[in-house]
C-alpha atoms as a PDB file:
ATOM      1  CA  UNK A   1     -19.155  39.588  19.034  1.00  0.00           C
ATOM      2  CA  UNK A   2     -19.758  35.851  19.578  1.00  0.00           C
ATOM      3  CA  UNK A   3     -18.331  33.818  16.738  1.00  0.00           C
ATOM      4  CA  UNK A   4     -20.734  31.439  15.004  1.00  0.00           C
ATOM      5  CA  UNK A   5     -20.365  27.802  16.093  1.00  0.00           C
ATOM      6  CA  UNK A   6     -18.452  25.829  13.483  1.00  0.00           C
ATOM      7  CA  UNK A   7     -16.941  28.888  11.825  1.00  0.00           C
ATOM      8  CA  UNK A   8     -13.241  29.023  10.967  1.00  0.00           C
ATOM      9  CA  UNK A   9     -12.789  31.907  13.385  1.00  0.00           C
ATOM     10  CA  UNK A  10     -14.404  29.897  16.215  1.00  0.00           C
ATOM     11  CA  UNK A  11     -12.180  26.888  15.506  1.00  0.00           C
ATOM     12  CA  UNK A  12      -9.007  28.958  15.441  1.00  0.00           C
ATOM     13  CA  UNK A  13     -10.056  30.915  18.498  1.00  0.00           C
ATOM     14  CA  UNK A  14     -10.565  27.744  20.535  1.00  0.00           C
ATOM     15  CA  UNK A  15      -7.202  26.360  19.407  1.00  0.00           C
ATOM     16  CA  UNK A  16      -5.420  29.580  20.357  1.00  0.00           C
ATOM     17  CA  UNK A  17      -7.095  29.541  23.772  1.00  0.00           C
ATOM     18  CA  UNK A  18      -5.859  26.000  24.393  1.00  0.00           C
ATOM     19  CA  UNK A  19      -2.280  26.797  23.387  1.00  0.00           C
ATOM     20  CA  UNK A  20      -2.251  29.977  25.483  1.00  0.00           C
ATOM     21  CA  UNK A  21      -3.668  28.253  28.570  1.00  0.00           C
ATOM     22  CA  UNK A  22      -1.294  25.309  28.338  1.00  0.00           C
ATOM     23  CA  UNK A  23       1.791  27.441  27.693  1.00  0.00           C
ATOM     24  CA  UNK A  24       0.912  29.703  30.638  1.00  0.00           C
ATOM     25  CA  UNK A  25       0.422  26.628  32.834  1.00  0.00           C
ATOM     26  CA  UNK A  26       3.904  25.357  32.001  1.00  0.00           C
ATOM     27  CA  UNK A  27       5.378  28.822  32.573  1.00  0.00           C
ATOM     28  CA  UNK A  28       3.808  28.843  36.039  1.00  0.00           C
ATOM     29  CA  UNK A  29       5.667  25.627  36.858  1.00  0.00           C
ATOM     30  CA  UNK A  30       8.976  27.318  36.143  1.00  0.00           C
ATOM     31  CA  UNK A  31       8.242  30.012  38.693  1.00  0.00           C
ATOM     32  CA  UNK A  32       7.396  27.352  41.303  1.00  0.00           C
ATOM     33  CA  UNK A  33      10.567  25.305  41.009  1.00  0.00           C
ATOM     34  CA  UNK A  34      12.653  25.234  44.161  1.00  0.00           C
ATOM     35  CA  UNK A  35      14.001  23.035  46.925  1.00  0.00           C
ATOM     36  CA  UNK A  36      11.412  20.278  46.467  1.00  0.00           C
ATOM     37  CA  UNK A  37      12.380  19.819  42.819  1.00  0.00           C
ATOM     38  CA  UNK A  38      16.080  19.619  43.696  1.00  0.00           C
ATOM     39  CA  UNK A  39      15.285  17.121  46.451  1.00  0.00           C
ATOM     40  CA  UNK A  40      13.299  14.986  43.988  1.00  0.00           C
ATOM     41  CA  UNK A  41      16.175  14.945  41.499  1.00  0.00           C
ATOM     42  CA  UNK A  42      18.669  13.950  44.198  1.00  0.00           C
ATOM     43  CA  UNK A  43      16.338  11.271  45.551  1.00  0.00           C
ATOM     44  CA  UNK A  44      15.954   9.654  42.123  1.00  0.00           C
ATOM     45  CA  UNK A  45      19.678  10.006  41.419  1.00  0.00           C
ATOM     46  CA  UNK A  46      20.457   8.113  44.642  1.00  0.00           C
ATOM     47  CA  UNK A  47      18.190   5.135  43.932  1.00  0.00           C
ATOM     48  CA  UNK A  48      19.974   1.783  43.709  1.00  0.00           C
ATOM     49  CA  UNK A  49      16.989   0.289  41.883  1.00  0.00           C
ATOM     50  CA  UNK A  50      14.565   1.707  39.346  1.00  0.00           C
ATOM     51  CA  UNK A  51      12.192   4.611  39.257  1.00  0.00           C
ATOM     52  CA  UNK A  52       8.665   3.183  39.103  1.00  0.00           C
ATOM     53  CA  UNK A  53       6.268   5.682  37.511  1.00  0.00           C
ATOM     54  CA  UNK A  54       2.527   5.266  38.009  1.00  0.00           C
ATOM     55  CA  UNK A  55      -0.708   7.093  37.317  1.00  0.00           C
ATOM     56  CA  UNK A  56      -4.325   6.369  36.414  1.00  0.00           C
ATOM     57  CA  UNK A  57      -6.285   7.545  33.393  1.00  0.00           C
ATOM     58  CA  UNK A  58      -4.712  10.522  31.612  1.00  0.00           C
ATOM     59  CA  UNK A  59      -2.075  10.655  34.331  1.00  0.00           C
ATOM     60  CA  UNK A  60      -1.252   7.055  33.486  1.00  0.00           C
ATOM     61  CA  UNK A  61      -0.659   7.969  29.848  1.00  0.00           C
ATOM     62  CA  UNK A  62       1.733  10.701  30.996  1.00  0.00           C
ATOM     63  CA  UNK A  63       3.407   8.291  33.425  1.00  0.00           C
ATOM     64  CA  UNK A  64       4.000   5.719  30.696  1.00  0.00           C
ATOM     65  CA  UNK A  65       5.614   8.337  28.462  1.00  0.00           C
ATOM     66  CA  UNK A  66       7.793   9.636  31.298  1.00  0.00           C
ATOM     67  CA  UNK A  67       9.018   6.151  32.210  1.00  0.00           C
ATOM     68  CA  UNK A  68      10.225   5.827  28.630  1.00  0.00           C
ATOM     69  CA  UNK A  69      11.881   9.256  28.716  1.00  0.00           C
ATOM     70  CA  UNK A  70      13.695   8.502  31.976  1.00  0.00           C
ATOM     71  CA  UNK A  71      14.922   5.152  30.662  1.00  0.00           C
ATOM     72  CA  UNK A  72      16.190   6.577  27.381  1.00  0.00           C
ATOM     73  CA  UNK A  73      18.142   9.353  29.098  1.00  0.00           C
ATOM     74  CA  UNK A  74      20.042   7.357  31.702  1.00  0.00           C
ATOM     75  CA  UNK A  75      17.568   6.794  34.565  1.00  0.00           C
ATOM     76  CA  UNK A  76      16.271   3.186  34.673  1.00  0.00           C
ATOM     77  CA  UNK A  77      12.491   3.397  34.942  1.00  0.00           C
ATOM     78  CA  UNK A  78       9.371   1.262  34.461  1.00  0.00           C
ATOM     79  CA  UNK A  79       5.676   2.054  34.248  1.00  0.00           C
ATOM     80  CA  UNK A  80       3.315   0.438  36.763  1.00  0.00           C
ATOM     81  CA  UNK A  81      -0.407   0.489  35.996  1.00  0.00           C
ATOM     82  CA  UNK A  82      -1.993   0.995  39.427  1.00  0.00           C
ATOM     83  CA  UNK A  83      -5.046  -1.156  38.708  1.00  0.00           C
ATOM     84  CA  UNK A  84      -2.811  -4.003  37.539  1.00  0.00           C
ATOM     85  CA  UNK A  85      -0.543  -3.305  40.487  1.00  0.00           C
ATOM     86  CA  UNK A  86      -3.173  -4.146  43.084  1.00  0.00           C
ATOM     87  CA  UNK A  87      -3.880  -7.361  41.170  1.00  0.00           C
ATOM     88  CA  UNK A  88      -0.359  -8.755  41.234  1.00  0.00           C
ATOM     89  CA  UNK A  89       1.993  -6.407  39.411  1.00  0.00           C
ATOM     90  CA  UNK A  90       3.196  -4.948  42.712  1.00  0.00           C
ATOM     91  CA  UNK A  91       5.573  -7.895  42.639  1.00  0.00           C
ATOM     92  CA  UNK A  92       7.813  -5.786  40.389  1.00  0.00           C
ATOM     93  CA  UNK A  93       8.681  -3.540  43.350  1.00  0.00           C
ATOM     94  CA  UNK A  94      11.938  -4.375  45.122  1.00  0.00           C
ATOM     95  CA  UNK A  95      14.170  -2.737  47.698  1.00  0.00           C
ATOM     96  CA  UNK A  96      16.093   0.140  46.160  1.00  0.00           C
ATOM     97  CA  UNK A  97      13.225   1.277  43.928  1.00  0.00           C
ATOM     98  CA  UNK A  98      11.490   4.627  44.238  1.00  0.00           C
ATOM     99  CA  UNK A  99       8.048   5.734  43.066  1.00  0.00           C
ATOM    100  CA  UNK A 100       6.917   8.733  41.065  1.00  0.00           C
ATOM    101  CA  UNK A 101       3.135   8.942  41.424  1.00  0.00           C
ATOM    102  CA  UNK A 102       1.098  11.221  39.189  1.00  0.00           C
ATOM    103  CA  UNK A 103      -2.447  12.194  40.159  1.00  0.00           C
ATOM    104  CA  UNK A 104      -4.261  15.447  39.486  1.00  0.00           C
ATOM    105  CA  UNK A 105      -6.462  15.179  42.569  1.00  0.00           C
ATOM    106  CA  UNK A 106      -4.153  13.099  44.747  1.00  0.00           C
ATOM    107  CA  UNK A 107      -7.163  10.979  45.704  1.00  0.00           C
ATOM    108  CA  UNK A 108      -6.991   8.178  43.119  1.00  0.00           C
ATOM    109  CA  UNK A 109      -8.371   4.984  44.661  1.00  0.00           C
ATOM    110  CA  UNK A 110      -6.186   2.799  42.467  1.00  0.00           C
ATOM    111  CA  UNK A 111      -2.980   4.574  43.525  1.00  0.00           C
ATOM    112  CA  UNK A 112      -4.101   4.616  47.152  1.00  0.00           C
ATOM    113  CA  UNK A 113      -4.351   0.835  46.910  1.00  0.00           C
ATOM    114  CA  UNK A 114      -0.616   0.654  46.219  1.00  0.00           C
ATOM    115  CA  UNK A 115       0.378   2.479  49.385  1.00  0.00           C
ATOM    116  CA  UNK A 116       0.342  -0.383  51.957  1.00  0.00           C
ATOM    117  CA  UNK A 117       2.798  -2.424  49.898  1.00  0.00           C
ATOM    118  CA  UNK A 118       4.949   0.597  49.051  1.00  0.00           C
ATOM    119  CA  UNK A 119       5.150   1.584  52.708  1.00  0.00           C
ATOM    120  CA  UNK A 120       5.881  -1.993  53.791  1.00  0.00           C
ATOM    121  CA  UNK A 121       8.859  -2.014  51.436  1.00  0.00           C
ATOM    122  CA  UNK A 122       9.863   1.435  52.749  1.00  0.00           C
ATOM    123  CA  UNK A 123      10.214   2.848  49.237  1.00  0.00           C
ATOM    124  CA  UNK A 124      10.545   6.629  48.788  1.00  0.00           C
ATOM    125  CA  UNK A 125       7.617   8.394  47.113  1.00  0.00           C
ATOM    126  CA  UNK A 126       7.504  11.492  44.955  1.00  0.00           C
ATOM    127  CA  UNK A 127       4.043  12.764  44.075  1.00  0.00           C
ATOM    128  CA  UNK A 128       3.141  15.139  41.256  1.00  0.00           C
ATOM    129  CA  UNK A 129      -0.304  16.561  41.984  1.00  0.00           C
ATOM    130  CA  UNK A 130      -2.575  19.572  42.079  1.00  0.00           C
ATOM    131  CA  UNK A 131      -3.860  18.426  45.462  1.00  0.00           C
ATOM    132  CA  UNK A 132      -1.169  19.451  47.912  1.00  0.00           C
ATOM    133  CA  UNK A 133      -3.511  18.697  50.842  1.00  0.00           C
ATOM    134  CA  UNK A 134      -4.651  15.356  49.371  1.00  0.00           C
ATOM    135  CA  UNK A 135      -4.275  11.931  50.966  1.00  0.00           C
ATOM    136  CA  UNK A 136      -1.571  10.982  48.469  1.00  0.00           C
ATOM    137  CA  UNK A 137       0.400  14.172  49.110  1.00  0.00           C
ATOM    138  CA  UNK A 138       0.295  13.600  52.880  1.00  0.00           C
ATOM    139  CA  UNK A 139       1.939  10.199  52.455  1.00  0.00           C
ATOM    140  CA  UNK A 140       4.630  11.360  50.055  1.00  0.00           C
ATOM    141  CA  UNK A 141       8.242  12.130  50.854  1.00  0.00           C
ATOM    142  CA  UNK A 142       8.306  14.912  48.251  1.00  0.00           C
ATOM    143  CA  UNK A 143       5.388  16.730  46.599  1.00  0.00           C
ATOM    144  CA  UNK A 144       5.774  18.555  43.295  1.00  0.00           C
ATOM    145  CA  UNK A 145       2.951  21.023  42.724  1.00  0.00           C
ATOM    146  CA  UNK A 146       1.586  20.649  39.176  1.00  0.00           C
ATOM    147  CA  UNK A 147      -1.643  22.555  39.756  1.00  0.00           C
ATOM    148  CA  UNK A 148      -3.053  24.746  37.003  1.00  0.00           C
ATOM    149  CA  UNK A 149      -5.314  27.757  37.216  1.00  0.00           C
ATOM    150  CA  UNK A 150      -7.761  26.367  34.653  1.00  0.00           C
ATOM    151  CA  UNK A 151      -7.984  23.441  32.266  1.00  0.00           C
ATOM    152  CA  UNK A 152      -7.907  24.136  28.542  1.00  0.00           C
ATOM    153  CA  UNK A 153     -11.140  22.157  28.302  1.00  0.00           C
ATOM    154  CA  UNK A 154     -13.956  24.750  27.926  1.00  0.00           C
ATOM    155  CA  UNK A 155     -15.914  22.848  30.583  1.00  0.00           C
ATOM    156  CA  UNK A 156     -12.844  22.898  32.873  1.00  0.00           C
ATOM    157  CA  UNK A 157     -13.255  19.137  33.267  1.00  0.00           C
ATOM    158  CA  UNK A 158     -11.049  17.063  30.928  1.00  0.00           C
ATOM    159  CA  UNK A 159      -7.388  16.959  31.988  1.00  0.00           C
ATOM    160  CA  UNK A 160      -5.622  19.126  29.420  1.00  0.00           C
ATOM    161  CA  UNK A 161      -3.468  21.864  30.914  1.00  0.00           C
ATOM    162  CA  UNK A 162      -2.930  19.709  34.005  1.00  0.00           C
ATOM    163  CA  UNK A 163      -1.686  16.702  32.018  1.00  0.00           C
ATOM    164  CA  UNK A 164       0.575  18.990  29.987  1.00  0.00           C
ATOM    165  CA  UNK A 165       1.954  20.435  33.229  1.00  0.00           C
ATOM    166  CA  UNK A 166       2.638  16.929  34.588  1.00  0.00           C
ATOM    167  CA  UNK A 167       4.379  15.937  31.372  1.00  0.00           C
ATOM    168  CA  UNK A 168       6.527  19.078  31.422  1.00  0.00           C
ATOM    169  CA  UNK A 169       7.457  18.612  35.079  1.00  0.00           C
ATOM    170  CA  UNK A 170       8.424  15.000  34.399  1.00  0.00           C
ATOM    171  CA  UNK A 171      10.542  16.027  31.427  1.00  0.00           C
ATOM    172  CA  UNK A 172      12.245  18.627  33.629  1.00  0.00           C
ATOM    173  CA  UNK A 173      13.090  15.899  36.153  1.00  0.00           C
ATOM    174  CA  UNK A 174      14.434  13.610  33.442  1.00  0.00           C
ATOM    175  CA  UNK A 175      16.607  16.276  31.851  1.00  0.00           C
ATOM    176  CA  UNK A 176      17.964  17.503  35.197  1.00  0.00           C
ATOM    177  CA  UNK A 177      18.891  13.905  36.018  1.00  0.00           C
ATOM    178  CA  UNK A 178      20.470  13.406  32.619  1.00  0.00           C
ATOM    179  CA  UNK A 179      22.620  16.473  33.210  1.00  0.00           C
ATOM    180  CA  UNK A 180      23.525  15.299  36.725  1.00  0.00           C
ATOM    181  CA  UNK A 181      24.602  11.923  35.321  1.00  0.00           C
ATOM    182  CA  UNK A 182      26.650  13.698  32.604  1.00  0.00           C
ATOM    183  CA  UNK A 183      24.740  11.627  30.071  1.00  0.00           C
ATOM    184  CA  UNK A 184      26.400  11.950  26.654  1.00  0.00           C
ATOM    185  CA  UNK A 185      25.378  11.533  23.027  1.00  0.00           C
ATOM    186  CA  UNK A 186      27.359   8.284  23.022  1.00  0.00           C
ATOM    187  CA  UNK A 187      25.326   7.035  26.015  1.00  0.00           C
ATOM    188  CA  UNK A 188      22.131   7.977  24.196  1.00  0.00           C
ATOM    189  CA  UNK A 189      23.294   6.144  21.088  1.00  0.00           C
ATOM    190  CA  UNK A 190      23.892   2.916  23.010  1.00  0.00           C
ATOM    191  CA  UNK A 191      20.262   2.985  24.153  1.00  0.00           C
ATOM    192  CA  UNK A 192      18.868   3.692  20.656  1.00  0.00           C
ATOM    193  CA  UNK A 193      20.512   1.195  18.276  1.00  0.00           C
ATOM    194  CA  UNK A 194      17.508   0.649  16.028  1.00  0.00           C
ATOM    195  CA  UNK A 195      16.071   2.454  13.029  1.00  0.00           C
ATOM    196  CA  UNK A 196      17.235   5.680  11.420  1.00  0.00           C
ATOM    197  CA  UNK A 197      17.976   7.294  14.780  1.00  0.00           C
ATOM    198  CA  UNK A 198      20.220   4.379  15.715  1.00  0.00           C
ATOM    199  CA  UNK A 199      22.110   4.590  12.453  1.00  0.00           C
ATOM    200  CA  UNK A 200      22.665   8.306  12.841  1.00  0.00           C
ATOM    201  CA  UNK A 201      24.000   7.905  16.364  1.00  0.00           C
ATOM    202  CA  UNK A 202      25.942   4.645  16.190  1.00  0.00           C
ATOM    203  CA  UNK A 203      27.182   4.020  12.667  1.00  0.00           C
ATOM    204  CA  UNK A 204      30.843   4.751  12.138  1.00  0.00           C
ATOM    205  CA  UNK A 205      32.642   5.764   8.958  1.00  0.00           C
ATOM    206  CA  UNK A 206      33.951   2.199   8.672  1.00  0.00           C
ATOM    207  CA  UNK A 207      30.338   0.987   8.397  1.00  0.00           C
ATOM    208  CA  UNK A 208      29.625   2.993   5.228  1.00  0.00           C
ATOM    209  CA  UNK A 209      32.987   3.598   3.546  1.00  0.00           C
ATOM    210  CA  UNK A 210      34.141   1.941   0.343  1.00  0.00           C
ATOM    211  CA  UNK A 211      37.150  -0.271   1.117  1.00  0.00           C
ATOM    212  CA  UNK A 212      38.951  -3.412   0.019  1.00  0.00           C
ATOM    213  CA  UNK A 213      41.605  -4.129  -2.556  1.00  0.00           C
ATOM    214  CA  UNK A 214      40.589  -2.880  -5.987  1.00  0.00           C
ATOM    215  CA  UNK A 215      37.572  -1.022  -4.581  1.00  0.00           C
ATOM    216  CA  UNK A 216      39.266   2.185  -3.497  1.00  0.00           C
ATOM    217  CA  UNK A 217      40.311   4.470  -6.371  1.00  0.00           C
ATOM    218  CA  UNK A 218      43.796   5.917  -6.092  1.00  0.00           C
ATOM    219  CA  UNK A 219      46.491   7.621  -8.126  1.00  0.00           C
ATOM    220  CA  UNK A 220      50.240   8.043  -7.732  1.00  0.00           C
ATOM    221  CA  UNK A 221      51.758  11.548  -7.667  1.00  0.00           C
ATOM    222  CA  UNK A 222      53.699  10.918 -10.882  1.00  0.00           C
ATOM    223  CA  UNK A 223      50.748   9.520 -12.850  1.00  0.00           C
ATOM    224  CA  UNK A 224      49.841  11.531 -15.940  1.00  0.00           C
ATOM    225  CA  UNK A 225      46.594  13.473 -15.925  1.00  0.00           C
ATOM    226  CA  UNK A 226      45.332  11.634 -19.002  1.00  0.00           C
ATOM    227  CA  UNK A 227      45.246   8.538 -16.752  1.00  0.00           C
ATOM    228  CA  UNK A 228      43.650  10.554 -13.964  1.00  0.00           C
ATOM    229  CA  UNK A 229      40.754  11.690 -16.143  1.00  0.00           C
ATOM    230  CA  UNK A 230      39.643   8.089 -16.587  1.00  0.00           C
ATOM    231  CA  UNK A 231      39.939   7.389 -12.838  1.00  0.00           C
ATOM    232  CA  UNK A 232      37.897  10.465 -11.953  1.00  0.00           C
ATOM    233  CA  UNK A 233      35.203   9.655 -14.513  1.00  0.00           C
ATOM    234  CA  UNK A 234      34.759   6.148 -13.139  1.00  0.00           C
ATOM    235  CA  UNK A 235      35.087   6.961  -9.416  1.00  0.00           C
ATOM    236  CA  UNK A 236      32.420   9.582  -8.757  1.00  0.00           C
ATOM    237  CA  UNK A 237      34.734  12.558  -9.243  1.00  0.00           C
ATOM    238  CA  UNK A 238      37.130  12.129  -6.296  1.00  0.00           C
ATOM    239  CA  UNK A 239      40.376  10.128  -6.277  1.00  0.00           C
ATOM    240  CA  UNK A 240      42.960  10.004  -3.433  1.00  0.00           C
ATOM    241  CA  UNK A 241      46.630  10.312  -4.325  1.00  0.00           C
ATOM    242  CA  UNK A 242      49.021   8.027  -2.399  1.00  0.00           C
ATOM    243  CA  UNK A 243      52.758   7.503  -2.296  1.00  0.00           C
ATOM    244  CA  UNK A 244      54.647   4.199  -2.444  1.00  0.00           C
ATOM    245  CA  UNK A 245      53.941   3.589   1.267  1.00  0.00           C
ATOM    246  CA  UNK A 246      50.168   3.846   0.685  1.00  0.00           C
ATOM    247  CA  UNK A 247      50.070   7.109   2.621  1.00  0.00           C
ATOM    248  CA  UNK A 248      47.789   9.784   1.290  1.00  0.00           C
ATOM    249  CA  UNK A 249      49.601  12.830  -0.107  1.00  0.00           C
ATOM    250  CA  UNK A 250      46.748  14.574  -1.853  1.00  0.00           C
ATOM    251  CA  UNK A 251      43.409  14.293  -3.567  1.00  0.00           C
ATOM    252  CA  UNK A 252      42.305  15.005  -7.129  1.00  0.00           C
ATOM    253  CA  UNK A 253      38.717  15.942  -7.876  1.00  0.00           C
ATOM    254  CA  UNK A 254      36.884  16.781 -11.059  1.00  0.00           C
ATOM    255  CA  UNK A 255      36.924  20.396  -9.906  1.00  0.00           C
ATOM    256  CA  UNK A 256      40.709  20.360  -9.410  1.00  0.00           C
ATOM    257  CA  UNK A 257      41.184  18.896 -12.872  1.00  0.00           C
ATOM    258  CA  UNK A 258      38.846  21.428 -14.506  1.00  0.00           C
ATOM    259  CA  UNK A 259      40.599  24.385 -12.896  1.00  0.00           C
ATOM    260  CA  UNK A 260      44.044  23.049 -13.835  1.00  0.00           C
ATOM    261  CA  UNK A 261      42.983  22.370 -17.430  1.00  0.00           C
ATOM    262  CA  UNK A 262      41.718  25.927 -17.808  1.00  0.00           C
ATOM    263  CA  UNK A 263      45.168  27.256 -16.907  1.00  0.00           C
ATOM    264  CA  UNK A 264      47.249  24.615 -18.707  1.00  0.00           C
ATOM    265  CA  UNK A 265      46.176  23.642 -22.236  1.00  0.00           C
ATOM    266  CA  UNK A 266      48.703  20.786 -22.187  1.00  0.00           C
ATOM    267  CA  UNK A 267      47.201  19.388 -18.939  1.00  0.00           C
ATOM    268  CA  UNK A 268      46.835  15.811 -20.234  1.00  0.00           C
ATOM    269  CA  UNK A 269      50.615  15.402 -20.347  1.00  0.00           C
ATOM    270  CA  UNK A 270      51.168  16.924 -16.886  1.00  0.00           C
ATOM    271  CA  UNK A 271      51.557  15.049 -13.596  1.00  0.00           C
ATOM    272  CA  UNK A 272      48.884  14.398 -10.980  1.00  0.00           C
ATOM    273  CA  UNK A 273      50.865  16.148  -8.233  1.00  0.00           C
ATOM    274  CA  UNK A 274      50.741  19.373 -10.253  1.00  0.00           C
ATOM    275  CA  UNK A 275      46.948  19.499 -10.184  1.00  0.00           C
ATOM    276  CA  UNK A 276      46.037  17.751  -6.926  1.00  0.00           C
ATOM    277  CA  UNK A 277      45.118  19.343  -3.597  1.00  0.00           C
ATOM    278  CA  UNK A 278      48.093  18.447  -1.343  1.00  0.00           C
ATOM    279  CA  UNK A 279      46.206  19.101   1.914  1.00  0.00           C
ATOM    280  CA  UNK A 280      42.980  17.121   1.600  1.00  0.00           C
ATOM    281  CA  UNK A 281      40.359  16.782   4.304  1.00  0.00           C
ATOM    282  CA  UNK A 282      40.363  13.230   5.702  1.00  0.00           C
ATOM    283  CA  UNK A 283      38.464  11.234   8.307  1.00  0.00           C
ATOM    284  CA  UNK A 284      39.405   8.291  10.581  1.00  0.00           C
ATOM    285  CA  UNK A 285      37.412   5.039  10.295  1.00  0.00           C
ATOM    286  CA  UNK A 286      36.130   5.205  13.875  1.00  0.00           C
ATOM    287  CA  UNK A 287      34.552   8.655  13.498  1.00  0.00           C
ATOM    288  CA  UNK A 288      30.763   8.836  13.577  1.00  0.00           C
ATOM    289  CA  UNK A 289      29.311   8.726  10.095  1.00  0.00           C
ATOM    290  CA  UNK A 290      27.223  11.776  11.014  1.00  0.00           C
ATOM    291  CA  UNK A 291      30.445  13.689  11.684  1.00  0.00           C
ATOM    292  CA  UNK A 292      31.710  12.759   8.218  1.00  0.00           C
ATOM    293  CA  UNK A 293      28.449  13.993   6.711  1.00  0.00           C
ATOM    294  CA  UNK A 294      28.780  17.268   8.613  1.00  0.00           C
ATOM    295  CA  UNK A 295      32.331  17.770   7.283  1.00  0.00           C
ATOM    296  CA  UNK A 296      31.201  17.139   3.730  1.00  0.00           C
ATOM    297  CA  UNK A 297      28.478  19.761   4.074  1.00  0.00           C
ATOM    298  CA  UNK A 298      30.802  22.232   5.834  1.00  0.00           C
ATOM    299  CA  UNK A 299      33.439  22.101   3.121  1.00  0.00           C
ATOM    300  CA  UNK A 300      31.127  21.594   0.145  1.00  0.00           C
ATOM    301  CA  UNK A 301      32.824  18.396  -1.007  1.00  0.00           C
ATOM    302  CA  UNK A 302      31.514  15.016  -2.125  1.00  0.00           C
ATOM    303  CA  UNK A 303      33.916  12.536  -0.527  1.00  0.00           C
ATOM    304  CA  UNK A 304      36.501  12.070   2.217  1.00  0.00           C
ATOM    305  CA  UNK A 305      39.477   9.691   2.158  1.00  0.00           C
ATOM    306  CA  UNK A 306      39.451   7.421   5.209  1.00  0.00           C
ATOM    307  CA  UNK A 307      42.917   7.171   6.736  1.00  0.00           C
ATOM    308  CA  UNK A 308      44.619   5.379   9.615  1.00  0.00           C
ATOM    309  CA  UNK A 309      46.409   7.181  12.431  1.00  0.00           C
ATOM    310  CA  UNK A 310      49.596   6.770  10.383  1.00  0.00           C
ATOM    311  CA  UNK A 311      48.090   8.350   7.286  1.00  0.00           C
ATOM    312  CA  UNK A 312      47.551   5.143   5.279  1.00  0.00           C
ATOM    313  CA  UNK A 313      44.587   5.164   2.916  1.00  0.00           C
ATOM    314  CA  UNK A 314      41.945   2.706   4.162  1.00  0.00           C
ATOM    315  CA  UNK A 315      38.954   3.666   2.044  1.00  0.00           C
ATOM    316  CA  UNK A 316      36.758   6.520   0.945  1.00  0.00           C
ATOM    317  CA  UNK A 317      33.350   7.681   2.121  1.00  0.00           C
ATOM    318  CA  UNK A 318      31.035   9.406  -0.357  1.00  0.00           C
ATOM    319  CA  UNK A 319      28.029  11.597   0.258  1.00  0.00           C
ATOM    320  CA  UNK A 320      26.035   9.135  -1.877  1.00  0.00           C
ATOM    321  CA  UNK A 321      26.883   6.311   0.552  1.00  0.00           C
ATOM    322  CA  UNK A 322      25.794   8.389   3.533  1.00  0.00           C
ATOM    323  CA  UNK A 323      22.546   9.348   1.809  1.00  0.00           C
ATOM    324  CA  UNK A 324      21.853   5.725   0.930  1.00  0.00           C
ATOM    325  CA  UNK A 325      22.381   4.748   4.579  1.00  0.00           C
ATOM    326  CA  UNK A 326      19.919   7.416   5.745  1.00  0.00           C
ATOM    327  CA  UNK A 327      22.648   9.326   7.613  1.00  0.00           C
ATOM    328  CA  UNK A 328      23.196  12.488   5.577  1.00  0.00           C
END
């Protein structure tokens, strides 16, 4: 039965067709991967300059996104608009660069206009295209087949599945290169210093901890618990315990105090070292703040003493501070 135009069933049916077609198109790429893909990765890896990514129309939108993905994952890359290229922007090309050209048909006039300059500079060319017999493919050093059986467009005209396939193939190149470069989370963090993502990847415990004389709550092992109750009440429920050398020897939390009080009616006259946890979890100041947040969640605690390599108390980092910084 033909669904009525504009009906909910027709809308959902079209959406499901698109998702099925595009997912099958990407799956087909996986089955096609082979020597040419490996050669493309090694070619880009060996460049002494940048990867210049270009495409026209929808392919240009994909190319711009891929240039950003390459750059953010360890492969220096720039986007070149082919129409702007033939009107002066080809000046960005220098020896050592390589080109990744994206064109569904492989017959784009604008990209063809780049070829004389690219060939004069003797720059290597990788082409992603459905047209393996196209003019662009014939001039390429490596051709990656991104053809699709059918577009998700019901008229089989607008680039849909084909642009998704190009995007997926480009992402596969970028991730294979990232792995080949042994690109780490620390490398990624250095390239993303701004915004919430930057904070999560670059901020250290020292950037969010409470520190400074008079700012860090602390108790001595021989302090009485009646003193400790006031410290805990005014310091968000967690107080480090330090010896005369300022080295941490334990921690006293509201939970520790409650449990001890339940077992010892005379708890107010007892010593801190009787109720404290003598093996507290701690964190160094140069640890990632995200790691501190993960430890807090793992152990179900609210704060971590920050200690030096010698065990001296340097500060304390609270879950509240991490939440306020947009890290936890």
